C-alpha atoms as a PDB file:
ATOM      1  CA  MET A   1       0.053   0.449  -0.005  1.00  0.00           C
ATOM      2  CA  ILE A   2       1.329   3.469  -0.833  1.00  0.00           C
ATOM      3  CA  PRO A   3       0.847   6.532   1.261  1.00  0.00           C
ATOM      4  CA  LYS A   4      -1.910   8.401   1.456  1.00  0.00           C
ATOM      5  CA  ARG A   5      -0.376  11.686   0.209  1.00  0.00           C
ATOM      6  CA  LEU A   6       0.461   9.848  -3.010  1.00  0.00           C
ATOM      7  CA  HIS A   7      -2.939   9.296  -3.987  1.00  0.00           C
ATOM      8  CA  ARG A   8      -3.717  12.177  -5.915  1.00  0.00           C
ATOM      9  CA  TYR A   9      -1.081  10.959  -8.728  1.00  0.00           C
ATOM     10  CA  PHE A  10      -2.891   7.721  -9.599  1.00  0.00           C
ATOM     11  CA  TRP A  11      -6.508   9.743 -10.163  1.00  0.00           C
ATOM     12  CA  GLU A  12      -7.771   6.920 -12.597  1.00  0.00           C
ATOM     13  CA  ILE A  13      -7.645   3.817 -10.429  1.00  0.00           C
ATOM     14  CA  ASN A  14      -8.605   3.005  -6.597  1.00  0.00           C
ATOM     15  CA  PRO A  15      -5.275   3.926  -5.551  1.00  0.00           C
ATOM     16  CA  SER A  16      -5.953   1.997  -1.703  1.00  0.00           C
ATOM     17  CA  GLU A  17      -5.511  -0.948  -4.184  1.00  0.00           C
ATOM     18  CA  LEU A  18      -2.224  -0.384  -5.305  1.00  0.00           C
ATOM     19  CA  ARG A  19       0.450  -3.281  -4.645  1.00  0.00           C
ATOM     20  CA  LEU A  20       4.330  -2.429  -4.017  1.00  0.00           C
ATOM     21  CA  ASP A  21       5.580  -5.745  -4.903  1.00  0.00           C
ATOM     22  CA  GLU A  22       2.744  -6.009  -7.954  1.00  0.00           C
ATOM     23  CA  ASP A  23       2.634  -2.276  -9.113  1.00  0.00           C
ATOM     24  CA  ALA A  24       6.228  -1.339  -8.410  1.00  0.00           C
ATOM     25  CA  ASP A  25       6.725  -0.174 -12.199  1.00  0.00           C
ATOM     26  CA  TYR A  26       3.747   1.802 -12.748  1.00  0.00           C
ATOM     27  CA  ILE A  27       4.005   3.525  -9.072  1.00  0.00           C
ATOM     28  CA  THR A  28       7.417   4.102 -10.091  1.00  0.00           C
ATOM     29  CA  ALA A  29       6.936   5.555 -13.171  1.00  0.00           C
ATOM     30  CA  ARG A  30       3.870   7.914 -12.241  1.00  0.00           C
ATOM     31  CA  LEU A  31       5.850   9.114  -9.622  1.00  0.00           C
ATOM     32  CA  LEU A  32       8.835  10.469 -11.689  1.00  0.00           C
ATOM     33  CA  ASP A  33       6.630  11.702 -14.143  1.00  0.00           C
ATOM     34  CA  TYR A  34       4.693  13.971 -11.124  1.00  0.00           C
ATOM     35  CA  GLY A  35       5.997  13.691  -7.740  1.00  0.00           C
ATOM     36  CA  LYS A  36       7.238  16.037  -5.500  1.00  0.00           C
ATOM     37  CA  THR A  37      10.645  15.908  -3.909  1.00  0.00           C
ATOM     38  CA  GLN A  38       9.352  14.011  -0.892  1.00  0.00           C
ATOM     39  CA  ASP A  39       7.933  11.545  -3.115  1.00  0.00           C
ATOM     40  CA  ILE A  40      11.024  10.748  -4.671  1.00  0.00           C
ATOM     41  CA  ASP A  41      12.496  10.314  -1.622  1.00  0.00           C
ATOM     42  CA  TRP A  42       9.939   7.656  -0.533  1.00  0.00           C
ATOM     43  CA  LEU A  43      10.381   6.262  -3.920  1.00  0.00           C
ATOM     44  CA  LEU A  44      14.222   5.846  -3.544  1.00  0.00           C
ATOM     45  CA  GLN A  45      13.304   4.020   0.092  1.00  0.00           C
ATOM     46  CA  LYS A  46      10.932   2.023  -0.741  1.00  0.00           C
ATOM     47  CA  PHE A  47      11.952   0.750  -4.541  1.00  0.00           C
ATOM     48  CA  GLY A  48      16.195   2.002  -4.639  1.00  0.00           C
ATOM     49  CA  GLN A  49      18.101   3.563  -7.637  1.00  0.00           C
ATOM     50  CA  ASN A  50      17.475   0.248  -9.777  1.00  0.00           C
ATOM     51  CA  GLN A  51      14.082   0.206  -9.585  1.00  0.00           C
ATOM     52  CA  ILE A  52      14.059   3.872 -10.834  1.00  0.00           C
ATOM     53  CA  LYS A  53      16.522   3.101 -13.744  1.00  0.00           C
ATOM     54  CA  THR A  54      15.003  -0.083 -14.726  1.00  0.00           C
ATOM     55  CA  VAL A  55      11.792   1.542 -15.007  1.00  0.00           C
ATOM     56  CA  LEU A  56      13.246   4.524 -16.739  1.00  0.00           C
ATOM     57  CA  LYS A  57      14.485   2.685 -19.553  1.00  0.00           C
ATOM     58  CA  LYS A  58      11.396   0.210 -20.474  1.00  0.00           C
ATOM     59  CA  TYR A  59       8.280   2.317 -19.637  1.00  0.00           C
ATOM     60  CA  ARG A  60       7.195   3.968 -22.438  1.00  0.00           C
ATOM     61  CA  GLY A  61       4.460   6.235 -20.044  1.00  0.00           C
ATOM     62  CA  ILE A  62       6.728   9.276 -18.610  1.00  0.00           C
ATOM     63  CA  SER A  63       6.875  11.999 -20.387  1.00  0.00           C
ATOM     64  CA  ARG A  64       9.433  13.429 -22.632  1.00  0.00           C
ATOM     65  CA  LYS A  65      10.814  16.381 -20.139  1.00  0.00           C
ATOM     66  CA  ALA A  66      10.719  13.804 -17.083  1.00  0.00           C
ATOM     67  CA  ALA A  67      12.579  10.955 -18.534  1.00  0.00           C
ATOM     68  CA  PHE A  68      15.086  13.980 -19.961  1.00  0.00           C
ATOM     69  CA  PHE A  69      15.560  15.064 -16.236  1.00  0.00           C
ATOM     70  CA  TRP A  70      16.118  11.737 -14.905  1.00  0.00           C
ATOM     71  CA  ALA A  71      18.452  10.462 -17.605  1.00  0.00           C
ATOM     72  CA  ASN A  72      20.613  13.533 -16.806  1.00  0.00           C
ATOM     73  CA  LEU A  73      20.481  13.154 -13.140  1.00  0.00           C
ATOM     74  CA  LEU A  74      21.125   9.500 -13.088  1.00  0.00           C
ATOM     75  CA  ALA A  75      23.633   9.615 -15.846  1.00  0.00           C
ATOM     76  CA  ILE A  76      21.693   7.059 -18.178  1.00  0.00           C
ATOM     77  CA  ASN A  77      22.392   7.560 -22.072  1.00  0.00           C
ATOM     78  CA  PRO A  78      18.580   8.961 -23.473  1.00  0.00           C
ATOM     79  CA  LYS A  79      19.934   6.352 -26.833  1.00  0.00           C
ATOM     80  CA  GLU A  80      18.353   3.382 -24.098  1.00  0.00           C
ATOM     81  CA  ILE A  81      14.938   5.217 -22.769  1.00  0.00           C
ATOM     82  CA  LYS A  82      12.310   3.861 -24.447  1.00  0.00           C
ATOM     83  CA  CYS A  83       9.505   6.806 -24.174  1.00  0.00           C
ATOM     84  CA  LEU A  84      12.338   9.067 -25.683  1.00  0.00           C
ATOM     85  CA  GLN A  85      12.189   6.829 -29.074  1.00  0.00           C
END
């Protein structure tokens, strides 16, 4: 279950039904796109930097702006990021 303060990022579903183990990629992608600093801190604490890098590379649903930001911050070649192709 995710903290209640993160529910606002999951407007199209019932956020209380999210499961950390089953929905980790979806949660990560959504927070990379819309999350604030404290949300990213929570994300890093729960899933770690490797999870963030993996999702960033394979998930198409992240905005180009956010993808470029995270690629730069995490030193990932933009050519490796699916949503930038």
